[in-house]
């Protein structure tokens, strides 16, 4: 083969690789830029602006959804689900978008500090480790059998609900092999482990576990049918980072007695205690999701907050610029000035679609910005609820992320 032919072949291979790479990147860009689902209020004549490449076009097969210059508008006052198709070069069906027509909802934006007690289904495994037996031998009896993130739900067929109960049962049945019932990634399984005798009538399986979780957060909203949403993000285990599997818990009143200001590299926090008395119960938690915790609220809280409901603001109507967050850092509800500096309505990270910055001098003086415990503080713009605060920037406590309100309400829409 001549050098000329060799170099020509190399150039062709580079060209083909470049075309494949460009095609893949274009595909990824279009996929990320076009949402899978869009919420539009019924009969609102609102236009949803789609950011799509010139090579793509949107086609609707239903007269209830009109397309104007690749932007969507709903012409119906009936709730329902519709579809539009995205075509490449007007020929190839590339992607379908679900259009979810919803009623105009109102919720009460709260900003109220609450105590959260989340009950896990079984006890969560943090890790396994070595134990020293009475004979001095070092072993790891649960290694590669029970894994970090597993939930121990039973032992020899007996339901397990707490660390203390688990320890008691291991000591009771530890002289022989034990059958552990596990929930692993949503699936039930069983494993056998032989505990190690570490003392007289004392046995250990080498398992580090954690059970119920509690802490202080912020109540975001209450709906007209007595449902609530809080936090704007799920409650995860501090060691594994995994979302805690729980569909039950209790919402309590919380007494915030102080604030630790945030600093660059060191997030601050609300300092307080949870009022665990029965007459301090505000509601029940029935879901812990990536978009927050949700449940039913009781009537007691309406007397405490005395706030009015507002319309929700969908993603397409959220604007960069001035807004407010509602907080309870001065022993009362107050709205503080912020700036919405980024709006990503197609964000793949559901609770980081907004970037905000605290600009209110008074709130900056009290907290230095966003602190732990403020997650869930409602974001308001033009007297509508836009979303909720979810995270603080570690290296700049004046800035943080937020979730869109429609993503928090998605399960109800």
Protein backbone atom coordinates (compact mmCIF):
# COMPACT_ATOMS: atom_id res chain seq x y z
CA UNK A 1 0.00 0.00 0.00
CA UNK A 2 1.38 3.41 -0.99
CA UNK A 3 1.81 6.16 1.55
CA UNK A 4 -0.81 8.20 -0.30
CA UNK A 5 -3.41 5.42 -0.01
CA UNK A 6 -2.49 4.91 3.64
CA UNK A 7 -2.99 8.58 4.54
CA UNK A 8 -6.23 8.72 2.53
CA UNK A 9 -7.55 5.76 4.53
CA UNK A 10 -6.55 7.45 7.80
CA UNK A 11 -8.33 10.66 6.75
CA UNK A 12 -11.47 8.71 5.82
CA UNK A 13 -11.46 6.96 9.20
CA UNK A 14 -11.07 10.31 10.99
CA UNK A 15 -13.93 11.78 8.92
CA UNK A 16 -16.22 8.84 9.69
CA UNK A 17 -15.35 9.06 13.40
CA UNK A 18 -16.06 12.81 13.36
CA UNK A 19 -19.45 12.26 11.71
CA UNK A 20 -20.37 9.57 14.25
CA UNK A 21 -19.24 11.77 17.15
CA UNK A 22 -21.10 14.82 15.81
CA UNK A 23 -24.23 12.75 15.27
CA UNK A 24 -24.05 11.33 18.78
CA UNK A 25 -23.51 14.76 20.34
CA UNK A 26 -26.40 16.21 18.31
CA UNK A 27 -28.63 13.35 19.43
CA UNK A 28 -27.68 13.92 23.08
CA UNK A 29 -28.21 17.68 22.76
CA UNK A 30 -31.67 17.31 21.24
CA UNK A 31 -32.64 14.64 23.78
CA UNK A 32 -31.56 16.84 26.69
CA UNK A 33 -33.07 20.02 25.24
CA UNK A 34 -36.52 18.54 24.66
CA UNK A 35 -38.42 17.54 27.83
CA UNK A 36 -40.23 14.22 28.09
CA UNK A 37 -43.25 15.85 29.73
CA UNK A 38 -44.70 19.35 29.74
CA UNK A 39 -47.40 20.71 32.05
CA UNK A 40 -49.70 23.41 30.66
CA UNK A 41 -52.69 24.96 32.42
CA UNK A 42 -56.03 24.28 30.78
CA UNK A 43 -57.44 27.02 28.53
CA UNK A 44 -54.72 29.45 29.59
CA UNK A 45 -53.48 30.38 26.09
CA UNK A 46 -49.98 30.16 27.52
CA UNK A 47 -47.24 29.42 25.04
CA UNK A 48 -44.58 26.85 25.91
CA UNK A 49 -41.35 27.77 24.14
CA UNK A 50 -39.35 24.74 23.00
CA UNK A 51 -35.62 25.18 22.51
CA UNK A 52 -34.96 22.78 19.65
CA UNK A 53 -32.49 22.76 16.73
CA UNK A 54 -33.50 24.05 13.31
CA UNK A 55 -33.41 20.52 11.90
CA UNK A 56 -36.24 19.47 14.22
CA UNK A 57 -39.94 20.28 14.06
CA UNK A 58 -42.92 19.64 16.31
CA UNK A 59 -46.11 18.05 14.99
CA UNK A 60 -49.39 17.68 16.89
CA UNK A 61 -52.04 15.15 15.93
CA UNK A 62 -54.66 16.66 18.24
CA UNK A 63 -56.52 19.90 17.67
CA UNK A 64 -56.42 20.60 21.41
CA UNK A 65 -52.68 21.27 21.13
CA UNK A 66 -51.60 23.76 18.51
CA UNK A 67 -48.02 24.29 17.33
CA UNK A 68 -46.86 27.76 16.35
CA UNK A 69 -43.24 28.06 15.22
CA UNK A 70 -42.40 24.90 17.18
CA UNK A 71 -43.98 26.34 20.34
CA UNK A 72 -46.96 24.71 22.04
CA UNK A 73 -50.30 26.16 23.04
CA UNK A 74 -53.24 24.28 24.59
CA UNK A 75 -56.75 25.18 23.44
CA UNK A 76 -58.84 23.18 25.88
CA UNK A 77 -60.26 23.60 29.36
CA UNK A 78 -60.37 19.84 29.93
CA UNK A 79 -57.72 18.08 31.98
CA UNK A 80 -56.03 15.30 30.10
CA UNK A 81 -52.93 13.90 28.46
CA UNK A 82 -51.87 14.52 24.88
CA UNK A 83 -48.83 13.81 22.74
CA UNK A 84 -46.84 15.73 20.18
CA UNK A 85 -44.04 14.33 18.05
CA UNK A 86 -40.65 15.80 17.31
CA UNK A 87 -39.46 15.06 13.77
CA UNK A 88 -36.01 15.43 12.28
CA UNK A 89 -35.94 17.07 8.85
CA UNK A 90 -39.73 16.82 8.87
CA UNK A 91 -39.52 13.07 8.20
CA UNK A 92 -38.15 10.95 11.03
CA UNK A 93 -40.05 10.62 14.32
CA UNK A 94 -37.35 11.42 16.86
CA UNK A 95 -39.15 11.79 20.17
CA UNK A 96 -42.62 12.07 21.69
CA UNK A 97 -43.54 14.66 24.32
CA UNK A 98 -46.35 14.04 26.80
CA UNK A 99 -48.51 17.14 27.23
CA UNK A 100 -50.18 17.13 30.62
CA UNK A 101 -53.09 19.58 30.78
CA UNK A 102 -53.73 20.52 34.41
CA UNK A 103 -56.12 22.71 36.33
CA UNK A 104 -54.93 26.00 37.75
CA UNK A 105 -53.85 24.97 41.25
CA UNK A 106 -53.54 27.07 44.37
CA UNK A 107 -51.41 26.19 47.38
CA UNK A 108 -50.46 27.91 50.62
CA UNK A 109 -46.71 28.74 50.58
CA UNK A 110 -45.48 28.23 54.14
CA UNK A 111 -41.79 28.54 55.04
CA UNK A 112 -42.64 27.04 58.42
CA UNK A 113 -39.92 25.12 60.35
CA UNK A 114 -41.02 21.57 61.16
CA UNK A 115 -39.63 18.53 62.93
CA UNK A 116 -39.40 15.46 60.72
CA UNK A 117 -39.46 11.93 62.11
CA UNK A 118 -39.08 9.34 59.36
CA UNK A 119 -39.62 5.66 60.07
CA UNK A 120 -37.62 3.28 57.89
CA UNK A 121 -38.94 -0.08 56.75
CA UNK A 122 -36.58 -2.27 58.75
CA UNK A 123 -33.08 -1.07 59.67
CA UNK A 124 -30.62 0.21 57.09
CA UNK A 125 -27.19 -1.39 56.75
CA UNK A 126 -24.37 1.15 56.72
CA UNK A 127 -21.52 -1.34 56.37
CA UNK A 128 -20.15 -4.66 57.57
CA UNK A 129 -16.98 -5.14 59.59
CA UNK A 130 -14.73 -7.47 61.47
CA UNK A 131 -15.51 -8.85 64.93
CA UNK A 132 -13.22 -10.55 67.44
CA UNK A 133 -14.50 -13.83 68.80
CA UNK A 134 -13.96 -15.22 72.31
CA UNK A 135 -11.15 -17.35 70.91
CA UNK A 136 -9.37 -14.26 69.58
CA UNK A 137 -10.06 -15.01 65.91
CA UNK A 138 -10.99 -12.02 63.73
CA UNK A 139 -13.73 -12.62 61.12
CA UNK A 140 -16.26 -10.71 59.05
CA UNK A 141 -19.32 -13.01 59.15
CA UNK A 142 -21.60 -10.83 56.98
CA UNK A 143 -19.04 -9.82 54.34
CA UNK A 144 -20.39 -10.05 50.76
CA UNK A 145 -23.67 -11.44 52.13
CA UNK A 146 -25.25 -8.32 53.60
CA UNK A 147 -24.41 -5.15 51.68
CA UNK A 148 -24.32 -1.43 52.40
CA UNK A 149 -27.76 0.01 51.56
CA UNK A 150 -29.65 -3.20 52.35
CA UNK A 151 -32.61 -3.01 54.72
CA UNK A 152 -32.88 -5.82 57.27
CA UNK A 153 -36.61 -6.45 57.50
CA UNK A 154 -36.66 -9.78 59.35
CA UNK A 155 -34.53 -12.26 61.28
CA UNK A 156 -35.58 -15.91 61.29
CA UNK A 157 -38.99 -14.77 60.07
CA UNK A 158 -39.48 -12.17 62.84
CA UNK A 159 -40.08 -8.61 61.59
CA UNK A 160 -37.28 -6.20 62.52
CA UNK A 161 -38.12 -2.55 63.29
CA UNK A 162 -35.20 -1.15 65.28
CA UNK A 163 -31.49 -1.52 66.07
CA UNK A 164 -32.20 -2.60 69.63
CA UNK A 165 -34.58 -5.34 68.47
CA UNK A 166 -32.03 -6.54 65.89
CA UNK A 167 -29.32 -6.76 68.54
CA UNK A 168 -31.66 -8.69 70.88
CA UNK A 169 -32.60 -11.21 68.20
CA UNK A 170 -28.98 -11.78 67.13
CA UNK A 171 -28.09 -12.56 70.75
CA UNK A 172 -31.11 -14.85 71.08
CA UNK A 173 -30.47 -16.91 67.94
CA UNK A 174 -26.74 -16.34 67.50
CA UNK A 175 -25.63 -19.84 68.52
CA UNK A 176 -26.62 -21.10 65.08
CA UNK A 177 -26.93 -19.80 61.53
CA UNK A 178 -29.43 -16.95 61.18
CA UNK A 179 -31.66 -16.21 58.17
CA UNK A 180 -31.79 -12.46 57.47
CA UNK A 181 -34.67 -11.11 55.37
CA UNK A 182 -33.43 -8.19 53.27
CA UNK A 183 -34.86 -5.52 51.01
CA UNK A 184 -32.15 -4.89 48.42
CA UNK A 185 -32.85 -2.30 45.72
CA UNK A 186 -36.57 -2.81 46.15
CA UNK A 187 -36.44 -6.61 45.94
CA UNK A 188 -36.80 -9.04 48.84
CA UNK A 189 -34.09 -11.64 49.39
CA UNK A 190 -32.76 -13.86 52.18
CA UNK A 191 -29.21 -14.66 53.27
CA UNK A 192 -27.69 -16.89 55.95
CA UNK A 193 -25.09 -15.57 58.39
CA UNK A 194 -23.43 -17.35 61.31
CA UNK A 195 -22.79 -14.78 64.09
CA UNK A 196 -19.59 -14.81 66.13
CA UNK A 197 -19.67 -15.43 69.88
CA UNK A 198 -17.88 -12.43 71.40
CA UNK A 199 -18.79 -13.03 75.04
CA UNK A 200 -20.86 -15.30 77.24
CA UNK A 201 -24.28 -15.48 75.52
CA UNK A 202 -23.26 -12.50 73.40
CA UNK A 203 -23.13 -12.68 69.59
CA UNK A 204 -22.33 -10.24 66.80
CA UNK A 205 -22.88 -10.44 63.04
CA UNK A 206 -20.49 -7.61 62.15
CA UNK A 207 -23.23 -5.32 60.81
CA UNK A 208 -23.42 -1.55 61.29
CA UNK A 209 -27.00 -0.30 61.01
CA UNK A 210 -29.16 2.79 61.41
CA UNK A 211 -32.91 3.00 61.97
CA UNK A 212 -35.34 5.95 62.24
CA UNK A 213 -34.21 9.42 61.14
CA UNK A 214 -35.20 12.81 62.52
CA UNK A 215 -34.29 16.44 61.84
CA UNK A 216 -35.54 19.96 61.19
CA UNK A 217 -36.63 21.20 57.76
CA UNK A 218 -39.05 23.64 56.19
CA UNK A 219 -42.66 23.09 55.16
CA UNK A 220 -43.04 24.29 51.56
CA UNK A 221 -46.76 24.23 50.83
CA UNK A 222 -50.20 23.00 51.84
CA UNK A 223 -52.77 22.14 49.19
CA UNK A 224 -56.48 22.83 49.30
CA UNK A 225 -57.14 19.14 50.11
CA UNK A 226 -54.88 19.16 53.21
CA UNK A 227 -51.78 17.65 51.60
CA UNK A 228 -48.31 19.02 52.27
CA UNK A 229 -44.89 19.05 50.64
CA UNK A 230 -41.60 19.88 52.34
CA UNK A 231 -37.82 20.05 51.80
CA UNK A 232 -37.79 19.89 47.98
CA UNK A 233 -35.38 16.95 48.15
CA UNK A 234 -35.47 13.50 49.68
CA UNK A 235 -33.99 12.41 53.00
CA UNK A 236 -30.93 10.29 52.35
CA UNK A 237 -28.62 8.36 54.64
CA UNK A 238 -25.63 10.49 55.65
CA UNK A 239 -23.17 7.61 55.16
CA UNK A 240 -24.39 5.84 52.04
CA UNK A 241 -26.09 8.78 50.29
CA UNK A 242 -28.98 6.47 49.42
CA UNK A 243 -32.56 7.72 49.62
CA UNK A 244 -34.12 6.25 52.77
CA UNK A 245 -36.87 3.80 51.95
CA UNK A 246 -39.82 4.97 53.98
CA UNK A 247 -43.49 5.61 53.43
CA UNK A 248 -44.37 6.59 56.98
CA UNK A 249 -43.39 9.18 59.52
CA UNK A 250 -44.63 12.09 61.59
CA UNK A 251 -44.44 15.86 61.14
CA UNK A 252 -43.98 17.77 64.41
CA UNK A 253 -43.71 21.36 65.54
CA UNK A 254 -40.12 22.56 65.90
CA UNK A 255 -38.71 25.25 68.17
CA UNK A 256 -35.85 27.09 66.44
CA UNK A 257 -33.82 28.79 69.15
CA UNK A 258 -30.79 29.93 67.14
CA UNK A 259 -29.05 30.16 63.77
CA UNK A 260 -25.51 29.20 62.89
CA UNK A 261 -24.43 31.47 60.04
CA UNK A 262 -23.09 29.93 56.87
CA UNK A 263 -19.50 30.50 55.81
CA UNK A 264 -17.56 29.66 52.67
CA UNK A 265 -16.86 25.94 52.89
CA UNK A 266 -18.93 25.53 56.08
CA UNK A 267 -22.71 25.56 55.69
CA UNK A 268 -24.68 27.01 58.59
CA UNK A 269 -27.90 25.68 60.02
CA UNK A 270 -31.05 26.24 62.01
CA UNK A 271 -30.55 25.25 65.66
CA UNK A 272 -33.63 23.91 67.38
CA UNK A 273 -35.51 21.06 68.98
CA UNK A 274 -38.42 18.94 67.83
CA UNK A 275 -41.52 19.02 70.03
CA UNK A 276 -42.35 15.31 70.28
CA UNK A 277 -45.50 15.77 72.39
CA UNK A 278 -48.70 14.35 70.96
CA UNK A 279 -50.35 17.78 70.81
CA UNK A 280 -47.42 19.02 68.67
CA UNK A 281 -48.13 16.62 65.81
CA UNK A 282 -48.80 18.54 62.57
CA UNK A 283 -49.37 15.64 60.19
CA UNK A 284 -48.26 12.27 58.88
CA UNK A 285 -45.56 11.59 56.29
CA UNK A 286 -46.43 9.01 53.66
CA UNK A 287 -43.71 9.50 51.03
CA UNK A 288 -39.99 10.25 50.93
CA UNK A 289 -38.99 11.02 47.33
CA UNK A 290 -36.24 12.80 45.44
CA UNK A 291 -38.59 15.79 45.19
CA UNK A 292 -39.28 16.04 48.92
CA UNK A 293 -41.38 14.52 51.66
CA UNK A 294 -45.16 14.48 51.35
CA UNK A 295 -48.19 13.58 53.43
CA UNK A 296 -51.36 14.76 55.13
CA UNK A 297 -51.56 17.84 57.34
CA UNK A 298 -53.97 18.33 60.25
CA UNK A 299 -56.08 21.39 60.94
CA UNK A 300 -53.89 22.62 63.80
CA UNK A 301 -51.37 24.23 61.48
CA UNK A 302 -53.91 26.57 59.88
CA UNK A 303 -54.29 28.37 63.20
CA UNK A 304 -50.50 28.65 63.51
CA UNK A 305 -49.65 30.05 60.07
CA UNK A 306 -52.67 32.11 58.95
CA UNK A 307 -51.39 32.43 55.38
CA UNK A 308 -53.28 32.71 52.09
CA UNK A 309 -53.14 30.48 49.03
CA UNK A 310 -51.55 31.61 45.74
CA UNK A 311 -51.42 30.30 42.18
CA UNK A 312 -48.61 27.99 41.13
CA UNK A 313 -46.18 29.17 38.46
CA UNK A 314 -45.20 26.60 35.84
CA UNK A 315 -41.64 26.29 34.52
CA UNK A 316 -42.27 28.14 31.28
CA UNK A 317 -43.33 31.28 33.18
CA UNK A 318 -40.45 31.43 35.66
CA UNK A 319 -38.16 34.36 34.84
CA UNK A 320 -34.66 35.28 35.80
CA UNK A 321 -34.69 38.30 38.05
CA UNK A 322 -36.19 39.47 41.30
CA UNK A 323 -38.09 37.04 43.54
CA UNK A 324 -38.56 36.24 47.23
CA UNK A 325 -38.15 33.34 49.62
CA UNK A 326 -40.41 32.89 52.63
CA UNK A 327 -38.59 32.01 55.86
CA UNK A 328 -39.25 31.82 59.58
CA UNK A 329 -35.91 33.04 60.93
CA UNK A 330 -37.22 35.95 63.01
CA UNK A 331 -39.96 34.06 64.88
CA UNK A 332 -42.47 35.05 62.23
CA UNK A 333 -43.12 34.59 58.50
CA UNK A 334 -41.28 37.05 56.30
CA UNK A 335 -40.50 37.28 52.61
CA UNK A 336 -36.88 38.13 51.78
CA UNK A 337 -35.45 39.40 48.50
CA UNK A 338 -33.53 37.03 46.24
CA UNK A 339 -32.46 36.93 42.61
CA UNK A 340 -33.22 34.00 40.32
CA UNK A 341 -30.00 33.85 38.30
CA UNK A 342 -30.59 30.66 36.30
CA UNK A 343 -33.67 28.79 35.04
CA UNK A 344 -33.15 25.33 33.53
CA UNK A 345 -36.59 23.94 32.79
CA UNK A 346 -35.07 20.84 31.16
CA UNK A 347 -32.72 20.08 34.04
CA UNK A 348 -31.98 16.37 34.40
CA UNK A 349 -31.45 16.92 38.13
CA UNK A 350 -35.00 17.48 39.32
CA UNK A 351 -34.24 19.52 42.42
CA UNK A 352 -31.60 21.80 40.87
CA UNK A 353 -33.59 23.46 38.09
CA UNK A 354 -33.21 26.92 39.64
CA UNK A 355 -30.16 28.81 40.87
CA UNK A 356 -30.89 31.62 43.31
CA UNK A 357 -28.92 34.22 45.24
CA UNK A 358 -29.98 35.88 48.47
CA UNK A 359 -29.81 39.69 48.14
CA UNK A 360 -31.86 40.81 51.14
CA UNK A 361 -29.52 42.69 53.56
CA UNK A 362 -31.49 41.61 56.62
CA UNK A 363 -31.48 37.90 55.78
CA UNK A 364 -27.78 38.10 54.93
CA UNK A 365 -27.16 39.69 58.33
CA UNK A 366 -29.10 36.91 60.11
CA UNK A 367 -27.93 33.82 58.19
CA UNK A 368 -25.29 34.89 55.63
CA UNK A 369 -27.61 33.39 53.02
CA UNK A 370 -28.98 29.85 52.88
CA UNK A 371 -28.41 27.48 55.81
CA UNK A 372 -29.28 23.86 56.49
CA UNK A 373 -32.87 23.59 57.67
CA UNK A 374 -34.04 26.18 55.14
CA UNK A 375 -34.51 23.46 52.49
CA UNK A 376 -38.12 23.70 51.44
CA UNK A 377 -38.44 27.48 51.86
CA UNK A 378 -40.91 28.54 49.14
CA UNK A 379 -39.72 30.73 46.28
CA UNK A 380 -42.25 33.37 45.16
CA UNK A 381 -42.33 35.54 42.04
CA UNK A 382 -45.13 37.90 40.97
CA UNK A 383 -47.23 36.61 43.88
CA UNK A 384 -47.08 33.03 42.61
CA UNK A 385 -45.16 30.09 44.05
CA UNK A 386 -42.30 29.15 41.75
CA UNK A 387 -40.60 26.41 43.74
CA UNK A 388 -38.54 25.77 46.86
CA UNK A 389 -34.96 26.08 48.05
CA UNK A 390 -33.16 22.71 48.04
CA UNK A 391 -29.38 23.11 48.43
CA UNK A 392 -26.79 25.70 49.37
CA UNK A 393 -23.55 26.27 47.48
CA UNK A 394 -20.85 25.07 49.85
CA UNK A 395 -18.37 27.76 48.78
CA UNK A 396 -20.92 30.59 48.61
CA UNK A 397 -23.77 30.46 51.15
CA UNK A 398 -25.54 33.38 49.43
CA UNK A 399 -26.33 31.05 46.51
CA UNK A 400 -28.28 27.84 46.25
CA UNK A 401 -30.42 25.57 44.10
CA UNK A 402 -34.17 25.31 43.90
CA UNK A 403 -36.78 22.88 42.60
CA UNK A 404 -39.75 23.91 40.44
CA UNK A 405 -43.09 23.74 42.26
CA UNK A 406 -44.62 21.67 39.46
CA UNK A 407 -41.95 19.01 40.01
CA UNK A 408 -42.87 18.85 43.70
CA UNK A 409 -46.54 18.60 42.79
CA UNK A 410 -45.97 16.12 39.97
CA UNK A 411 -47.56 13.18 41.82
CA UNK A 412 -50.80 15.14 42.24
CA UNK A 413 -51.06 16.61 38.73
